[in-house]
């Protein structure tokens, strides 16, 4: 159970490191406008993902999210089941 408590902190540090790497890339010469747009889009998406992650983590610590079936957790999932292909996306 202690390992479970540490995983959120480790994931948060990983997200922060990835975001710092993306931002550092934006500060370099990316050669083309298309590449710059791609990296800026990745930064925007990653900032949103990080915000959602910390919001969920706060709710877990406050015991507002009790398990993986809690609405506060499920409303952030982005998976859909395609019955015709029997795969999740």
C-alpha atoms as a PDB file:
ATOM      1  CA  UNK A   1       0.000   0.000   0.000  1.00  0.00           C
ATOM      2  CA  UNK A   2       2.900   2.410   0.655  1.00  0.00           C
ATOM      3  CA  UNK A   3       4.093   1.885  -2.911  1.00  0.00           C
ATOM      4  CA  UNK A   4       0.622   2.888  -4.130  1.00  0.00           C
ATOM      5  CA  UNK A   5       0.882   6.168  -2.191  1.00  0.00           C
ATOM      6  CA  UNK A   6       4.269   6.974  -3.739  1.00  0.00           C
ATOM      7  CA  UNK A   7       3.197   6.369  -7.334  1.00  0.00           C
ATOM      8  CA  UNK A   8       1.267   9.650  -7.643  1.00  0.00           C
ATOM      9  CA  UNK A   9       4.262  11.694  -6.478  1.00  0.00           C
ATOM     10  CA  UNK A  10       6.578   9.852  -8.857  1.00  0.00           C
ATOM     11  CA  UNK A  11       4.141  10.352 -11.751  1.00  0.00           C
ATOM     12  CA  UNK A  12       3.849  14.067 -10.914  1.00  0.00           C
ATOM     13  CA  UNK A  13       7.631  14.456 -11.027  1.00  0.00           C
ATOM     14  CA  UNK A  14       7.748  12.597 -14.340  1.00  0.00           C
ATOM     15  CA  UNK A  15       5.049  14.883 -15.830  1.00  0.00           C
ATOM     16  CA  UNK A  16       6.935  17.963 -14.644  1.00  0.00           C
ATOM     17  CA  UNK A  17      10.189  16.690 -16.157  1.00  0.00           C
ATOM     18  CA  UNK A  18       8.506  15.938 -19.485  1.00  0.00           C
ATOM     19  CA  UNK A  19       6.938  19.407 -19.541  1.00  0.00           C
ATOM     20  CA  UNK A  20      10.295  21.047 -18.794  1.00  0.00           C
ATOM     21  CA  UNK A  21      11.865  19.093 -21.674  1.00  0.00           C
ATOM     22  CA  UNK A  22       9.112  20.207 -24.064  1.00  0.00           C
ATOM     23  CA  UNK A  23       9.471  23.842 -22.991  1.00  0.00           C
ATOM     24  CA  UNK A  24      13.254  23.655 -23.397  1.00  0.00           C
ATOM     25  CA  UNK A  25      12.735  22.323 -26.928  1.00  0.00           C
ATOM     26  CA  UNK A  26      10.488  25.283 -27.732  1.00  0.00           C
ATOM     27  CA  UNK A  27      13.330  27.620 -26.801  1.00  0.00           C
ATOM     28  CA  UNK A  28      15.607  26.111 -29.460  1.00  0.00           C
ATOM     29  CA  UNK A  29      15.661  26.498 -33.220  1.00  0.00           C
ATOM     30  CA  UNK A  30      13.044  24.007 -34.415  1.00  0.00           C
ATOM     31  CA  UNK A  31      13.843  24.745 -38.093  1.00  0.00           C
ATOM     32  CA  UNK A  32      10.262  25.071 -39.357  1.00  0.00           C
ATOM     33  CA  UNK A  33       7.072  26.822 -38.339  1.00  0.00           C
ATOM     34  CA  UNK A  34       5.316  23.442 -38.433  1.00  0.00           C
ATOM     35  CA  UNK A  35       7.748  21.965 -35.911  1.00  0.00           C
ATOM     36  CA  UNK A  36       7.287  24.978 -33.627  1.00  0.00           C
ATOM     37  CA  UNK A  37       3.507  24.607 -33.820  1.00  0.00           C
ATOM     38  CA  UNK A  38       3.774  20.902 -33.003  1.00  0.00           C
ATOM     39  CA  UNK A  39       5.894  21.546 -29.917  1.00  0.00           C
ATOM     40  CA  UNK A  40       3.714  24.430 -28.743  1.00  0.00           C
ATOM     41  CA  UNK A  41       0.656  22.192 -29.117  1.00  0.00           C
ATOM     42  CA  UNK A  42       2.360  19.442 -27.111  1.00  0.00           C
ATOM     43  CA  UNK A  43       3.172  21.937 -24.358  1.00  0.00           C
ATOM     44  CA  UNK A  44      -0.442  23.131 -24.254  1.00  0.00           C
ATOM     45  CA  UNK A  45      -1.796  19.578 -24.090  1.00  0.00           C
ATOM     46  CA  UNK A  46       0.740  18.572 -21.463  1.00  0.00           C
ATOM     47  CA  UNK A  47      -0.010  21.596 -19.249  1.00  0.00           C
ATOM     48  CA  UNK A  48      -3.700  20.635 -19.333  1.00  0.00           C
ATOM     49  CA  UNK A  49      -2.861  16.995 -18.545  1.00  0.00           C
ATOM     50  CA  UNK A  50      -0.662  18.061 -15.623  1.00  0.00           C
ATOM     51  CA  UNK A  51      -3.415  20.331 -14.240  1.00  0.00           C
ATOM     52  CA  UNK A  52      -5.959  17.505 -14.402  1.00  0.00           C
ATOM     53  CA  UNK A  53      -3.497  15.086 -12.792  1.00  0.00           C
ATOM     54  CA  UNK A  54      -2.872  17.397  -9.828  1.00  0.00           C
ATOM     55  CA  UNK A  55      -6.611  18.095  -9.484  1.00  0.00           C
ATOM     56  CA  UNK A  56      -7.330  14.351  -9.280  1.00  0.00           C
ATOM     57  CA  UNK A  57      -4.396  13.785  -6.908  1.00  0.00           C
ATOM     58  CA  UNK A  58      -5.746  16.502  -4.591  1.00  0.00           C
ATOM     59  CA  UNK A  59      -9.177  14.845  -4.586  1.00  0.00           C
ATOM     60  CA  UNK A  60      -7.599  11.468  -3.797  1.00  0.00           C
ATOM     61  CA  UNK A  61      -5.735  12.976  -0.832  1.00  0.00           C
ATOM     62  CA  UNK A  62      -8.955  14.635   0.375  1.00  0.00           C
ATOM     63  CA  UNK A  63     -10.741  11.256   0.040  1.00  0.00           C
ATOM     64  CA  UNK A  64     -13.124  12.674  -2.560  1.00  0.00           C
ATOM     65  CA  UNK A  65     -12.039   9.916  -4.955  1.00  0.00           C
ATOM     66  CA  UNK A  66     -12.272   6.532  -3.293  1.00  0.00           C
ATOM     67  CA  UNK A  67     -11.671   4.056  -6.119  1.00  0.00           C
ATOM     68  CA  UNK A  68     -11.404   3.653  -9.898  1.00  0.00           C
ATOM     69  CA  UNK A  69     -15.211   3.674 -10.255  1.00  0.00           C
ATOM     70  CA  UNK A  70     -15.623   7.109  -8.679  1.00  0.00           C
ATOM     71  CA  UNK A  71     -17.163   9.674 -11.052  1.00  0.00           C
ATOM     72  CA  UNK A  72     -14.403  12.230 -10.376  1.00  0.00           C
ATOM     73  CA  UNK A  73     -11.903   9.678 -11.694  1.00  0.00           C
ATOM     74  CA  UNK A  74     -14.003   8.300 -14.553  1.00  0.00           C
ATOM     75  CA  UNK A  75     -14.901  11.705 -15.994  1.00  0.00           C
ATOM     76  CA  UNK A  76     -11.225  12.197 -16.901  1.00  0.00           C
ATOM     77  CA  UNK A  77     -10.804   8.943 -18.802  1.00  0.00           C
ATOM     78  CA  UNK A  78     -10.451   9.138 -22.546  1.00  0.00           C
ATOM     79  CA  UNK A  79     -11.076   5.550 -23.553  1.00  0.00           C
ATOM     80  CA  UNK A  80     -13.908   4.276 -25.683  1.00  0.00           C
ATOM     81  CA  UNK A  81     -14.843   0.729 -26.533  1.00  0.00           C
ATOM     82  CA  UNK A  82     -15.467   0.035 -30.222  1.00  0.00           C
ATOM     83  CA  UNK A  83     -17.758  -2.981 -30.223  1.00  0.00           C
ATOM     84  CA  UNK A  84     -17.331  -3.649 -33.935  1.00  0.00           C
ATOM     85  CA  UNK A  85     -13.562  -4.118 -33.556  1.00  0.00           C
ATOM     86  CA  UNK A  86     -13.511  -5.290 -29.916  1.00  0.00           C
ATOM     87  CA  UNK A  87     -10.656  -2.918 -29.014  1.00  0.00           C
ATOM     88  CA  UNK A  88     -10.347   0.033 -26.698  1.00  0.00           C
ATOM     89  CA  UNK A  89      -9.035   3.332 -28.070  1.00  0.00           C
END
